[in-house]
N, C-alpha and C. Protein backbone atom coordinates (compact mmCIF):
# COMPACT_ATOMS: atom_id res chain seq x y z
N UNK A 1 -8.80 -2.57 0.46
CA UNK A 1 -9.08 -3.62 1.66
C UNK A 1 -8.17 -4.26 2.42
N UNK A 2 -8.95 -4.95 3.56
CA UNK A 2 -7.91 -5.94 4.65
C UNK A 2 -7.21 -6.68 3.64
N UNK A 3 -5.99 -6.73 4.05
CA UNK A 3 -5.08 -8.04 3.60
C UNK A 3 -4.47 -8.31 4.80
N UNK A 4 -4.53 -9.78 5.13
CA UNK A 4 -3.26 -10.62 6.20
C UNK A 4 -2.89 -11.53 5.44
N UNK A 5 -1.31 -12.04 5.29
CA UNK A 5 -0.74 -12.75 4.49
C UNK A 5 0.27 -13.70 5.88
N UNK A 6 0.03 -14.36 6.01
CA UNK A 6 0.40 -15.52 7.15
C UNK A 6 1.86 -16.27 6.49
N UNK A 7 2.83 -16.17 6.94
CA UNK A 7 3.91 -17.17 6.55
C UNK A 7 5.02 -17.58 7.30
N UNK A 8 5.49 -18.68 7.45
CA UNK A 8 7.07 -18.69 8.02
C UNK A 8 6.62 -20.38 8.56
N UNK A 9 5.11 -20.96 8.42
CA UNK A 9 5.14 -22.57 8.74
C UNK A 9 6.01 -23.49 7.81
N UNK A 10 5.70 -24.93 8.21
CA UNK A 10 6.30 -25.89 7.71
C UNK A 10 6.79 -27.14 8.53
N UNK A 11 7.29 -27.82 7.79
CA UNK A 11 7.41 -28.87 8.70
C UNK A 11 8.71 -28.70 10.03
N UNK A 12 8.68 -29.12 11.24
CA UNK A 12 9.51 -29.22 12.02
C UNK A 12 9.50 -30.41 13.29
N UNK A 13 10.62 -30.86 13.58
CA UNK A 13 10.62 -32.42 14.22
C UNK A 13 10.32 -31.63 16.06
N UNK A 14 9.68 -32.62 16.84
CA UNK A 14 9.41 -31.91 18.01
C UNK A 14 10.52 -31.77 18.66
N UNK A 15 10.42 -30.63 19.78
CA UNK A 15 11.18 -29.91 19.99
C UNK A 15 11.78 -28.98 19.30
N UNK A 16 11.62 -28.75 18.46
CA UNK A 16 12.37 -26.85 17.06
C UNK A 16 11.61 -26.00 17.63
N UNK A 17 11.70 -25.05 16.68
CA UNK A 17 10.98 -23.91 16.72
C UNK A 17 11.00 -23.37 15.29
N UNK A 18 10.02 -22.35 15.54
CA UNK A 18 9.20 -22.10 14.18
C UNK A 18 9.02 -20.14 14.29
N UNK A 19 9.52 -19.70 13.27
CA UNK A 19 8.43 -18.27 13.25
C UNK A 19 7.43 -17.60 12.12
N UNK A 20 6.57 -17.75 13.05
CA UNK A 20 5.61 -17.02 11.74
C UNK A 20 5.01 -15.55 11.98
N UNK A 21 5.43 -14.93 10.90
CA UNK A 21 5.05 -13.77 10.44
C UNK A 21 3.56 -13.22 9.73
N UNK A 22 3.19 -12.31 10.10
CA UNK A 22 2.13 -11.75 9.40
C UNK A 22 1.75 -10.74 8.76
N UNK A 23 2.25 -10.35 7.41
CA UNK A 23 2.35 -9.00 7.27
C UNK A 23 0.74 -8.70 6.72
N UNK A 24 0.17 -7.17 6.73
CA UNK A 24 -0.76 -6.68 7.07
C UNK A 24 -1.16 -5.59 5.91
N UNK A 25 -2.07 -5.26 5.24
CA UNK A 25 -2.57 -3.68 5.05
C UNK A 25 -3.93 -3.84 4.88
N UNK A 26 -4.39 -2.18 4.59
CA UNK A 26 -5.87 -2.31 4.24
C UNK A 26 -6.50 -1.72 5.42
N UNK A 27 -5.93 -1.53 6.56
CA UNK A 27 -6.32 -1.06 8.04
C UNK A 27 -5.47 -0.59 8.66
N UNK A 28 -5.38 0.19 9.72
CA UNK A 28 -4.71 0.75 10.74
C UNK A 28 -4.14 -0.05 12.19
N UNK A 29 -3.25 -0.66 11.00
CA UNK A 29 -2.30 -1.50 11.90
C UNK A 29 -1.78 -1.44 13.53
N UNK A 30 -1.53 -0.51 13.83
CA UNK A 30 -1.02 0.24 14.89
C UNK A 30 -1.80 0.52 16.04
N UNK A 31 -3.56 0.46 15.56
CA UNK A 31 -4.41 0.83 16.71
C UNK A 31 -5.23 -0.22 16.75
N UNK A 32 -4.71 -1.77 16.39
CA UNK A 32 -5.91 -2.72 16.51
C UNK A 32 -4.79 -3.87 17.20
N UNK A 33 -5.41 -3.94 18.29
CA UNK A 33 -4.71 -5.15 18.98
C UNK A 33 -4.43 -6.30 17.97
N UNK A 34 -3.78 -7.58 18.16
CA UNK A 34 -3.67 -8.78 17.20
C UNK A 34 -3.52 -9.84 17.77
N UNK A 35 -4.37 -10.64 16.54
CA UNK A 35 -4.16 -12.19 17.34
C UNK A 35 -3.73 -13.40 16.62
N UNK A 36 -3.32 -14.48 17.16
CA UNK A 36 -3.02 -15.39 16.77
C UNK A 36 -4.13 -16.62 16.87
N UNK A 37 -4.53 -16.76 15.93
CA UNK A 37 -5.32 -18.60 15.67
C UNK A 37 -5.28 -19.64 15.16
N UNK A 38 -5.22 -20.53 15.61
CA UNK A 38 -4.73 -21.93 15.60
C UNK A 38 -6.02 -23.04 14.85
N UNK A 39 -5.97 -23.70 13.69
CA UNK A 39 -7.15 -24.88 13.74
C UNK A 39 -6.71 -26.01 13.10
N UNK A 40 -6.81 -26.77 14.33
CA UNK A 40 -6.54 -28.36 14.01
C UNK A 40 -7.23 -29.08 13.03
N UNK A 41 -6.79 -30.12 12.31
CA UNK A 41 -8.08 -31.05 11.53
C UNK A 41 -8.97 -31.43 12.75
N UNK A 42 -10.38 -31.22 12.19
CA UNK A 42 -11.47 -31.86 13.07
C UNK A 42 -11.85 -31.42 14.52
N UNK A 43 -11.16 -30.11 14.82
CA UNK A 43 -10.82 -29.17 16.00
C UNK A 43 -11.34 -27.88 15.55
N UNK A 44 -11.77 -27.45 16.49
CA UNK A 44 -12.53 -25.57 16.51
C UNK A 44 -11.62 -24.87 16.42
N UNK A 45 -11.37 -23.67 15.97
CA UNK A 45 -10.08 -22.97 15.91
C UNK A 45 -9.91 -22.20 17.39
N UNK A 46 -9.23 -21.80 17.88
CA UNK A 46 -8.77 -21.61 18.59
C UNK A 46 -7.86 -19.84 18.98
N UNK A 47 -8.13 -19.60 20.08
CA UNK A 47 -7.12 -18.25 20.32
C UNK A 47 -5.91 -18.77 21.23
N UNK A 48 -4.80 -18.94 20.38
CA UNK A 48 -3.37 -18.99 20.64
C UNK A 48 -2.82 -17.79 21.88
N UNK A 49 -2.93 -16.44 20.87
CA UNK A 49 -2.46 -15.53 21.86
C UNK A 49 -2.74 -13.89 21.30
N UNK A 50 -2.52 -12.86 22.28
CA UNK A 50 -3.15 -11.83 21.78
C UNK A 50 -1.79 -10.97 22.35
N UNK A 51 -2.06 -9.68 21.71
CA UNK A 51 -1.16 -8.85 22.13
C UNK A 51 -1.96 -6.91 21.89
N UNK A 52 -1.54 -6.59 22.18
CA UNK A 52 -2.01 -4.97 22.47
C UNK A 52 -1.65 -3.86 21.46
N UNK A 53 -2.20 -3.04 20.86
CA UNK A 53 -1.60 -2.12 19.92
C UNK A 53 -0.43 -1.54 20.22
N UNK A 54 0.15 -0.77 21.27
CA UNK A 54 2.13 -1.35 21.35
C UNK A 54 2.55 -2.35 21.95
N UNK A 55 1.81 -3.35 21.87
CA UNK A 55 3.03 -4.45 22.38
C UNK A 55 3.24 -4.64 24.21
N UNK A 56 2.64 -3.68 24.55
CA UNK A 56 2.84 -3.79 25.89
C UNK A 56 2.28 -4.28 27.08
N UNK A 57 1.23 -5.36 26.00
CA UNK A 57 0.71 -5.84 26.92
C UNK A 57 0.01 -7.24 26.07
N UNK A 58 0.19 -8.87 26.78
CA UNK A 58 0.46 -10.13 25.86
C UNK A 58 -0.66 -10.98 26.71
N UNK A 59 -1.37 -12.38 26.13
CA UNK A 59 -1.84 -13.17 26.74
C UNK A 59 -1.66 -14.25 25.96
N UNK A 60 -1.37 -15.44 26.15
CA UNK A 60 -1.39 -16.55 25.51
C UNK A 60 -2.55 -17.92 26.03
N UNK A 61 -3.01 -18.96 24.99
CA UNK A 61 -3.51 -20.04 25.46
C UNK A 61 -2.46 -21.22 27.02
N UNK A 62 -3.31 -21.70 27.97
CA UNK A 62 -2.14 -22.35 28.25
C UNK A 62 -1.41 -23.30 27.43
N UNK A 63 -2.12 -23.45 26.83
CA UNK A 63 -1.42 -24.65 26.12
C UNK A 63 -0.02 -24.17 25.29
N UNK A 64 0.31 -22.42 25.26
CA UNK A 64 1.33 -22.23 24.37
C UNK A 64 2.38 -21.80 25.72
N UNK A 65 1.70 -21.22 26.83
CA UNK A 65 2.49 -20.39 27.76
C UNK A 65 4.08 -21.25 27.94
N UNK A 66 4.33 -19.76 27.88
CA UNK A 66 6.00 -20.39 28.09
C UNK A 66 6.82 -20.78 26.83
N UNK A 67 6.43 -21.52 25.89
CA UNK A 67 6.63 -21.82 24.73
C UNK A 67 6.30 -20.87 23.77
N UNK A 68 5.48 -20.14 23.31
CA UNK A 68 5.17 -18.88 21.91
C UNK A 68 5.72 -17.82 22.73
N UNK A 69 5.85 -16.87 21.93
CA UNK A 69 5.97 -15.21 22.56
C UNK A 69 5.08 -14.55 20.87
N UNK A 70 4.32 -13.84 21.33
CA UNK A 70 3.99 -12.93 20.29
C UNK A 70 4.70 -11.51 20.06
N UNK A 71 4.75 -10.78 18.78
CA UNK A 71 5.47 -9.63 19.21
C UNK A 71 4.90 -8.72 18.15
N UNK A 72 5.30 -7.83 17.73
CA UNK A 72 4.95 -6.88 16.61
C UNK A 72 5.24 -5.83 15.81
N UNK A 73 5.66 -4.98 15.03
CA UNK A 73 6.53 -4.47 14.83
C UNK A 73 5.61 -2.87 13.59
N UNK A 74 5.06 -2.26 14.96
CA UNK A 74 4.11 -1.30 14.24
C UNK A 74 4.57 -0.45 12.85
N UNK A 75 6.00 -0.13 12.88
CA UNK A 75 6.61 0.40 11.54
C UNK A 75 6.44 0.03 10.35
N UNK A 76 6.56 -1.86 10.74
CA UNK A 76 6.07 -2.35 9.23
C UNK A 76 4.88 -3.32 8.97
N UNK A 77 4.35 -2.70 9.93
CA UNK A 77 2.73 -3.60 10.21
C UNK A 77 2.63 -5.01 9.88
N UNK A 78 3.52 -5.89 10.67
CA UNK A 78 3.82 -6.89 10.91
C UNK A 78 3.73 -7.48 12.12
N UNK A 79 2.90 -8.61 12.11
CA UNK A 79 2.83 -9.38 13.52
C UNK A 79 3.55 -10.77 13.44
N UNK A 80 4.32 -11.28 14.96
CA UNK A 80 5.05 -12.61 14.84
C UNK A 80 4.43 -13.26 15.78
N UNK A 81 5.15 -14.42 15.36
CA UNK A 81 4.74 -15.68 16.43
C UNK A 81 5.78 -16.74 16.50
N UNK A 82 6.64 -16.22 17.56
CA UNK A 82 7.94 -17.17 18.36
C UNK A 82 7.15 -18.31 18.22
N UNK A 83 7.17 -19.61 18.24
CA UNK A 83 7.40 -20.89 18.38
C UNK A 83 8.39 -21.76 19.17
N UNK A 84 8.64 -21.99 20.10
CA UNK A 84 9.82 -22.63 20.62
C UNK A 84 8.89 -24.08 21.01
N UNK A 85 10.39 -24.75 21.53
CA UNK A 85 9.77 -26.47 22.06
C UNK A 85 8.43 -26.71 21.54
N UNK A 86 8.09 -26.70 20.29
CA UNK A 86 7.21 -27.47 19.59
C UNK A 86 6.86 -28.91 20.14
N UNK A 87 5.45 -29.30 20.23
CA UNK A 87 5.02 -30.74 20.33
C UNK A 87 4.44 -31.01 19.08
N UNK A 88 3.88 -32.01 19.22
CA UNK A 88 3.10 -32.62 17.87
C UNK A 88 1.69 -31.91 17.92
N UNK A 89 1.49 -31.99 18.86
CA UNK A 89 -0.21 -31.23 19.17
C UNK A 89 -0.19 -29.48 18.95
N UNK A 90 0.92 -28.98 18.03
CA UNK A 90 0.98 -27.76 18.14
C UNK A 90 0.61 -27.87 16.82
N UNK A 91 0.60 -29.13 16.07
CA UNK A 91 0.06 -29.37 14.31
C UNK A 91 -1.22 -28.37 13.86
N UNK A 92 -1.45 -27.37 13.18
CA UNK A 92 -2.37 -27.22 12.69
C UNK A 92 -2.18 -26.01 11.35
N UNK A 93 -3.37 -25.12 11.52
CA UNK A 93 -2.91 -24.43 10.66
C UNK A 93 -3.40 -23.12 11.30
N UNK A 94 -2.08 -21.74 11.14
CA UNK A 94 -2.10 -20.90 11.81
C UNK A 94 -2.64 -19.40 11.18
N UNK A 95 -3.21 -18.59 12.26
CA UNK A 95 -4.12 -17.62 11.22
C UNK A 95 -3.79 -16.37 12.40
N UNK A 96 -3.41 -15.10 11.71
CA UNK A 96 -3.42 -13.50 12.42
C UNK A 96 -4.84 -13.19 12.20
N UNK A 97 -4.93 -12.37 13.19
CA UNK A 97 -6.32 -11.25 12.79
C UNK A 97 -6.05 -10.20 13.69
N UNK A 98 -6.75 -9.02 12.61
CA UNK A 98 -7.24 -8.37 13.80
C UNK A 98 -7.98 -8.38 15.02
N UNK A 99 -8.04 -8.08 16.07
CA UNK A 99 -8.93 -8.05 17.37
C UNK A 99 -10.18 -8.05 16.51
N UNK A 100 -10.79 -6.68 16.21
CA UNK A 100 -11.84 -6.17 15.93
C UNK A 100 -11.92 -5.93 14.68
N UNK A 101 -11.37 -6.62 13.70
CA UNK A 101 -12.06 -6.59 12.53
C UNK A 101 -12.35 -7.90 11.98
N UNK A 102 -13.74 -8.38 11.20
CA UNK A 102 -14.03 -10.19 10.82
C UNK A 102 -13.62 -9.92 9.25
N UNK A 103 -12.23 -10.50 9.29
CA UNK A 103 -11.38 -10.95 8.37
C UNK A 103 -10.26 -11.64 8.45
N UNK A 104 -10.36 -13.21 7.82
CA UNK A 104 -9.20 -13.95 7.99
C UNK A 104 -8.41 -13.90 6.67
N UNK A 105 -6.95 -14.31 6.98
CA UNK A 105 -6.06 -14.69 5.57
C UNK A 105 -6.22 -16.25 5.64
N UNK A 106 -5.24 -16.30 4.79
CA UNK A 106 -5.19 -17.92 4.21
C UNK A 106 -4.50 -18.49 5.40
N UNK A 107 -3.66 -18.85 6.04
CA UNK A 107 -3.17 -19.19 7.25
C UNK A 107 -2.08 -19.96 6.76
N UNK A 108 -1.37 -20.28 7.64
CA UNK A 108 -0.09 -20.95 7.43
C UNK A 108 -0.03 -22.23 8.29
N UNK A 109 0.59 -23.51 7.54
CA UNK A 109 0.47 -24.85 8.07
C UNK A 109 1.56 -24.66 8.76
N UNK A 110 1.84 -25.44 9.74
CA UNK A 110 2.50 -26.04 10.88
C UNK A 110 2.49 -27.33 11.04
N UNK A 111 3.29 -28.26 10.63
CA UNK A 111 3.29 -29.29 11.55
C UNK A 111 4.77 -30.42 11.88
N UNK A 112 4.08 -30.15 13.12
CA UNK A 112 5.14 -30.91 13.89
C UNK A 112 5.40 -32.41 14.39
N UNK A 113 6.51 -33.27 13.40
CA UNK A 113 6.64 -34.54 13.47
C UNK A 113 7.85 -34.99 13.49
N UNK A 114 8.01 -36.14 13.63
CA UNK A 114 9.45 -37.05 13.79
C UNK A 114 9.37 -37.77 12.51
C-alpha cells in the first residue's frame, strides 16, 4: 500500500533553515508529480510546492517563493523541501503527497520561533 513518511521538521529560529524529506513506497514514484502541503492551526491545508515527474518543472506558493526549494531523487523514491529564511508564519504541519493519489502521510511539524 501507499506509504509517505515525512521527516526533518523541528524547532528553528526565524531566519533559519530546515530540510524536509519524504520517503515513499507502494506506488511508482518516478511517474508521479509530487507536492508539499502545510496546515497551520486553525487554517486550511495549503499547497506549498509542486514538482513534475522528472523534476524539470516546479511551482511554489507566493508566500514561499524564493525561500523554499522542492526537489526529488527518483532513484531513492524520496521528495525533499529545502526551507531557508524561515518565518514565524511558516509554522505548520508539513505533508507530502503524490499529485494524483488520494493518500496523506502523518506529516512533520515545523515550528519557527525565537
